Every structure is written in C-alpha cells, then in structure tokens.
Amino acid sequence: MIIPFFWMIATSFDESAMLQISFPPSFWPKKASLLPYVMTFRNIAMFRYILNSMQVTLGVIAVSITSALAAGYALSKIPFRGRNFVLLGALATLMVPFEVTMVPTFFLFKMLNLTNSYLAFYLPAVNYVFGTFFAKQYFDTIPSSFRESALIDGANDLLICVRIYVPLCGALAATLVVLQFLGVWNDFLWPLIILNSPAKYTVQVGVAMFTWDRGMQQMPAIRMASSCIVIIPVLILYLFLQRYIVESIALSGIKQ
C-alpha cells in the first residue's frame, strides 16, 4: 500500500523525471530538486483551485453534518409513527449508484439554472444518508433520560439536540468530517459535469484539465508533484482527527 505513495513522492522531487519516467521505477530521486513543484505552481493555478475546493468542501461538510445530526437525533430520540419506515427508505437510496442519478440530477440543476454554481454541491448534501444512519446509531448509545429530563424542564427538541446531544458527539462529528472531506475533496466526476468555468474548477478538475490542455501528461514529475499537493490537506486533517474516528466507530456499534 505504501509503495505507490513512496514512488509518487520520490518522482515528484526528481528533476530527471521532468520529461520521462525511468523504468524500472526508481524509489529515490536520481536528481533531487524542487523544480517540479516550482513548475507546478508556476504553470497551474493551484492556489485558486485549492481555494475553490476548500469552499466546496467546507460548504458541503457544514450542510451535510448539520442535516445528519438533526435527522439522526430525530430518528433516534423522537418517537413518531413510521420512524422505521423513514429510516429504511433513506437507507434504500444508498443502493442506487450515483451514476444512475447523475444525468437526471444534472438536468434538474440545469432547469433551475444552477449549473456552474456551488449550490449544485450544497443542495444534494442535505440528503446525507450515511451520516444520518451513523448519527442515529451514535445517538442510540446516549441515554434517552437526558431528553426526558430536559422536556420536563420545558426545553424543546431543537434546544435539546443543540445544547445536550450535539456537544456529546465530538467523535462522531470528527468522523463524518473526515469522510465527507475525503469524498468531496477527491470528487472528480460531478465537478467535471456541473462546472464549466475554469475560474470555478475544483483542484481535481483544474489539475486534470490543465495538464491535459498544456501537454503536461508527458511530464511525470509535475503530475506527481501536483498529486502530492492535492493529498496534503486530506493527510493533515486525518492525522489530527484519526483518534476520534476510532472512538466513534467503537461507540456506534454499542447498543444500550
């Protein structure tokens, strides 16, 4: 698993790989240099693409996590008729691949005049079914007596969710943030379809389109350097939040 990443990093620092890659692969730079990275930032608008991806990713995370926590709390703690049917119906949508709904979703946003807009990322994030199920399982591990006591004191469910249950979900929120960040940051197909302005390209689409248009697909070092740059934000986030991921997965499998 580590060998491809190590080879990618080594090639990104290898000035001799600017024109062609060596075969058999070399796992150490033959001519170590920062030139591939300099050329990457000089020829590709990396800062613009990274800022675009950050805007899309953080917006999707804010919308999806809020929706998942609210829906998970409702399905776990609020008794209402048809609760299990709603949960099963939501989970059933996970069995439908994105490729099936991609074209009708695109035409829907086109009819709404929302193509080439980041709203095309934020609005679908309201329906974060996996996060809802994960949050529901996590809320099941928190005693319902907290809600009952708060209701006796006159609090409503919105206040109970925000003031009592959400502060107890740090590990859950960290896990969903990492999973959503990884998925949205690395997404290529949907941004490629919905965005048509280079100024709004996310980093995945921007790097791919630029390297193809400028003929840089024949410059392995620059391609590897851009790939390393794209990985850095995800790696940093995961290293800071990995302990919360383990904790949330362990707790979400415990039943009261």
Protein backbone atom coordinates (compact mmCIF):
# COMPACT_ATOMS: atom_id res chain seq x y z
CA MET A 1 0.00 0.00 0.00
CA ILE A 2 2.82 2.41 0.84
CA ILE A 3 5.00 1.69 -2.21
CA PRO A 4 2.91 3.68 -4.77
CA PHE A 5 2.81 6.71 -2.46
CA PHE A 6 6.54 6.49 -1.79
CA TRP A 7 7.21 6.23 -5.53
CA MET A 8 4.94 9.22 -6.20
CA ILE A 9 6.77 11.37 -3.64
CA ALA A 10 10.19 10.30 -4.91
CA THR A 11 9.26 11.07 -8.51
CA SER A 12 7.85 14.47 -7.55
CA PHE A 13 11.30 15.51 -6.31
CA ASP A 14 13.17 14.00 -9.27
CA GLU A 15 14.23 16.62 -11.83
CA SER A 16 15.30 13.88 -14.22
CA ALA A 17 11.64 12.76 -14.41
CA MET A 18 10.52 16.08 -15.89
CA LEU A 19 10.38 14.60 -19.39
CA GLN A 20 10.04 10.86 -18.89
CA ILE A 21 9.84 8.38 -16.10
CA SER A 22 12.51 5.77 -15.58
CA PHE A 23 11.86 2.07 -15.95
CA PRO A 24 12.21 0.06 -13.84
CA PRO A 25 10.84 2.59 -11.33
CA SER A 26 13.31 4.36 -9.07
CA PHE A 27 12.33 4.74 -5.44
CA TRP A 28 14.82 7.51 -4.83
CA PRO A 29 15.25 10.76 -6.81
CA LYS A 30 18.13 10.49 -9.26
CA LYS A 31 18.47 14.28 -9.28
CA ALA A 32 16.71 15.69 -6.22
CA SER A 33 15.20 19.11 -6.86
CA LEU A 34 12.21 21.32 -6.04
CA LEU A 35 11.88 22.27 -9.71
CA PRO A 36 8.79 20.06 -10.30
CA TYR A 37 6.96 21.89 -7.50
CA VAL A 38 8.12 25.29 -8.74
CA MET A 39 6.93 24.43 -12.24
CA THR A 40 3.62 23.18 -10.85
CA PHE A 41 2.80 26.43 -9.08
CA ARG A 42 4.18 28.47 -11.97
CA ASN A 43 2.07 26.79 -14.63
CA ILE A 44 -1.03 25.66 -12.72
CA ALA A 45 -3.31 27.95 -10.70
CA MET A 46 -3.02 25.64 -7.70
CA PHE A 47 -3.92 28.27 -5.10
CA ARG A 48 -7.10 29.19 -6.99
CA TYR A 49 -8.11 25.55 -7.40
CA ILE A 50 -7.34 24.74 -3.76
CA LEU A 51 -9.43 27.68 -2.55
CA ASN A 52 -12.30 26.56 -4.79
CA SER A 53 -12.10 23.02 -3.41
CA MET A 54 -11.99 24.36 0.14
CA GLN A 55 -15.09 26.45 -0.49
CA VAL A 56 -16.97 23.49 -1.93
CA THR A 57 -15.76 21.02 0.68
CA LEU A 58 -16.39 23.17 3.75
CA GLY A 59 -19.83 24.15 2.48
CA VAL A 60 -20.81 20.54 1.84
CA ILE A 61 -19.48 19.50 5.25
CA ALA A 62 -21.45 22.23 7.05
CA VAL A 63 -24.69 21.34 5.28
CA SER A 64 -24.35 17.55 5.43
CA ILE A 65 -23.18 17.30 9.05
CA THR A 66 -25.95 19.62 10.26
CA SER A 67 -28.54 17.60 8.34
CA ALA A 68 -27.14 14.26 9.53
CA LEU A 69 -27.08 15.25 13.22
CA ALA A 70 -30.61 16.68 13.11
CA ALA A 71 -32.06 13.69 11.25
CA GLY A 72 -30.10 11.21 13.36
CA TYR A 73 -31.40 12.77 16.57
CA ALA A 74 -34.99 12.70 15.28
CA LEU A 75 -34.79 9.06 14.22
CA SER A 76 -33.14 8.01 17.47
CA LYS A 77 -34.90 10.03 20.17
CA ILE A 78 -38.21 11.40 18.87
CA PRO A 79 -40.97 8.76 18.75
CA PHE A 80 -43.22 9.24 15.72
CA ARG A 81 -45.29 6.95 13.54
CA GLY A 82 -43.39 5.42 10.63
CA ARG A 83 -39.94 6.15 12.04
CA ASN A 84 -38.50 2.80 11.00
CA PHE A 85 -40.10 3.10 7.55
CA VAL A 86 -38.44 6.50 7.05
CA LEU A 87 -35.06 5.09 8.08
CA LEU A 88 -35.38 2.07 5.79
CA GLY A 89 -36.50 4.27 2.91
CA ALA A 90 -33.49 6.52 3.38
CA LEU A 91 -31.10 3.58 3.59
CA ALA A 92 -32.59 2.13 0.41
CA THR A 93 -31.28 5.12 -1.52
CA LEU A 94 -27.74 4.00 -0.69
CA MET A 95 -28.27 1.05 -3.04
CA VAL A 96 -28.74 3.38 -6.02
CA PRO A 97 -25.35 4.25 -7.58
CA PHE A 98 -24.56 7.89 -8.29
CA GLU A 99 -24.09 7.06 -11.98
CA VAL A 100 -27.81 6.23 -12.17
CA THR A 101 -28.97 9.57 -10.77
CA MET A 102 -26.17 11.69 -12.21
CA VAL A 103 -27.87 12.61 -15.52
CA PRO A 104 -31.34 13.45 -14.11
CA THR A 105 -29.70 15.43 -11.30
CA PHE A 106 -27.71 17.42 -13.85
CA PHE A 107 -30.83 18.20 -15.88
CA LEU A 108 -32.65 19.22 -12.71
CA PHE A 109 -29.96 21.75 -11.81
CA LYS A 110 -29.85 22.90 -15.42
CA MET A 111 -33.60 23.60 -15.32
CA LEU A 112 -33.06 25.52 -12.08
CA ASN A 113 -30.22 27.47 -13.72
CA LEU A 114 -27.78 26.26 -11.06
CA THR A 115 -25.10 24.78 -13.29
CA ASN A 116 -21.64 26.28 -12.81
CA SER A 117 -22.73 27.12 -9.27
CA TYR A 118 -21.55 25.73 -5.97
CA LEU A 119 -25.19 25.37 -4.91
CA ALA A 120 -25.17 22.23 -7.05
CA PHE A 121 -22.86 20.78 -4.38
CA TYR A 122 -24.56 22.20 -1.29
CA LEU A 123 -28.18 21.26 -2.03
CA PRO A 124 -27.60 17.50 -2.58
CA ALA A 125 -25.57 17.47 0.65
CA VAL A 126 -28.79 17.95 2.63
CA ASN A 127 -29.53 14.26 1.94
CA TYR A 128 -26.53 12.68 3.66
CA VAL A 129 -27.99 9.25 4.32
CA PHE A 130 -24.85 7.51 5.56
CA GLY A 131 -24.21 10.33 8.04
CA THR A 132 -27.82 10.16 9.21
CA PHE A 133 -27.60 6.41 9.84
CA PHE A 134 -24.22 6.78 11.55
CA ALA A 135 -25.54 9.60 13.74
CA LYS A 136 -28.65 7.60 14.60
CA GLN A 137 -26.52 4.67 15.74
CA TYR A 138 -24.37 7.01 17.81
CA PHE A 139 -27.35 8.75 19.44
CA ASP A 140 -28.72 5.33 20.38
CA THR A 141 -25.75 4.93 22.74
CA ILE A 142 -26.64 8.15 24.62
CA PRO A 143 -29.34 7.70 27.30
CA SER A 144 -32.81 8.97 26.40
CA SER A 145 -33.23 10.10 30.01
CA PHE A 146 -31.34 13.27 29.08
CA ARG A 147 -34.13 14.22 26.69
CA GLU A 148 -36.86 13.28 29.13
CA SER A 149 -35.35 15.41 31.88
CA ALA A 150 -34.95 18.37 29.53
CA LEU A 151 -38.57 18.05 28.35
CA ILE A 152 -39.73 18.17 31.96
CA ASP A 153 -37.71 21.38 32.38
CA GLY A 154 -39.52 22.91 29.39
CA ALA A 155 -36.91 22.56 26.63
CA ASN A 156 -37.97 21.69 23.08
CA ASP A 157 -36.28 19.08 20.88
CA LEU A 158 -34.26 21.63 18.92
CA LEU A 159 -32.76 23.03 22.10
CA ILE A 160 -32.19 19.54 23.50
CA CYS A 161 -30.38 18.44 20.34
CA VAL A 162 -28.17 21.54 20.13
CA ARG A 163 -27.40 22.03 23.81
CA ILE A 164 -27.26 18.45 25.15
CA TYR A 165 -26.73 15.82 22.48
CA VAL A 166 -24.56 17.57 19.88
CA PRO A 167 -21.83 18.51 22.43
CA LEU A 168 -21.54 14.78 23.21
CA CYS A 169 -20.90 13.92 19.55
CA GLY A 170 -17.38 15.23 19.05
CA ALA A 171 -16.03 11.87 17.90
CA LEU A 172 -19.00 11.32 15.59
CA ALA A 173 -18.69 14.77 14.03
CA ALA A 174 -14.93 14.33 13.52
CA THR A 175 -15.50 11.03 11.72
CA LEU A 176 -18.16 12.46 9.42
CA VAL A 177 -15.99 15.50 8.70
CA VAL A 178 -13.07 13.31 7.63
CA LEU A 179 -15.25 11.03 5.49
CA GLN A 180 -17.01 13.95 3.81
CA PHE A 181 -13.79 15.90 3.32
CA LEU A 182 -12.16 12.91 1.69
CA GLY A 183 -15.14 12.22 -0.57
CA VAL A 184 -15.79 15.81 -1.67
CA TRP A 185 -12.14 16.80 -2.00
CA ASN A 186 -11.36 13.83 -4.23
CA ASP A 187 -14.58 14.03 -6.25
CA PHE A 188 -13.90 14.43 -9.96
CA LEU A 189 -16.94 13.34 -11.96
CA TRP A 190 -19.63 15.65 -10.55
CA PRO A 191 -17.48 18.83 -10.60
CA LEU A 192 -16.41 17.97 -14.15
CA ILE A 193 -20.05 17.78 -15.24
CA ILE A 194 -21.57 20.69 -13.32
CA LEU A 195 -18.78 23.29 -13.64
CA ASN A 196 -17.90 24.87 -16.97
CA SER A 197 -15.89 27.90 -15.87
CA PRO A 198 -12.13 27.38 -15.28
CA ALA A 199 -12.26 30.02 -12.56
CA LYS A 200 -14.57 27.75 -10.52
CA TYR A 201 -12.80 24.43 -11.11
CA THR A 202 -12.02 22.35 -8.06
CA VAL A 203 -8.45 21.18 -7.63
CA GLN A 204 -9.07 17.72 -9.09
CA VAL A 205 -10.70 19.04 -12.26
CA GLY A 206 -8.36 22.01 -12.56
CA VAL A 207 -5.17 19.95 -12.40
CA ALA A 208 -6.51 17.30 -14.77
CA MET A 209 -7.75 19.80 -17.37
CA PHE A 210 -4.63 21.94 -17.20
CA THR A 211 -2.17 19.08 -17.52
CA TRP A 212 -4.11 17.72 -20.49
CA ASP A 213 -4.52 21.07 -22.27
CA ARG A 214 -0.87 22.02 -21.84
CA GLY A 215 0.51 18.62 -22.79
CA MET A 216 1.87 18.04 -19.29
CA GLN A 217 0.64 14.45 -19.30
CA GLN A 218 4.11 13.72 -20.69
CA MET A 219 5.81 15.36 -17.69
CA PRO A 220 5.58 12.78 -14.88
CA ALA A 221 7.39 14.86 -12.24
CA ILE A 222 4.87 17.70 -12.49
CA ARG A 223 1.95 15.29 -12.41
CA MET A 224 3.36 13.61 -9.31
CA ALA A 225 4.09 16.97 -7.65
CA SER A 226 0.53 18.18 -8.23
CA SER A 227 -0.80 14.88 -6.85
CA CYS A 228 1.30 15.29 -3.70
CA ILE A 229 0.00 18.83 -3.21
CA VAL A 230 -3.60 17.65 -3.55
CA ILE A 231 -3.09 14.92 -0.92
CA ILE A 232 -1.59 17.19 1.75
CA PRO A 233 -4.85 18.74 3.13
CA VAL A 234 -6.51 15.33 3.47
CA LEU A 235 -3.45 13.87 5.17
CA ILE A 236 -3.20 16.73 7.67
CA LEU A 237 -6.90 16.50 8.55
CA TYR A 238 -6.78 12.75 9.01
CA LEU A 239 -3.68 12.87 11.23
CA PHE A 240 -5.38 15.37 13.55
CA LEU A 241 -8.72 13.54 13.76
CA GLN A 242 -7.81 9.85 13.47
CA ARG A 243 -8.28 9.10 17.18
CA TYR A 244 -11.84 10.41 17.04
CA ILE A 245 -12.59 8.13 14.10
CA VAL A 246 -11.59 5.02 16.05
CA GLU A 247 -13.57 6.18 19.07
CA SER A 248 -16.76 6.90 17.11
CA ILE A 249 -16.67 3.58 15.24
CA ALA A 250 -16.21 1.72 18.52
CA LEU A 251 -19.08 3.54 20.25
CA SER A 252 -21.52 3.44 17.34
CA GLY A 253 -21.57 -0.35 17.50
CA ILE A 254 -22.59 -0.48 21.18
CA LYS A 255 -26.27 -0.95 21.98
CA GLN A 256 -27.83 0.17 25.24
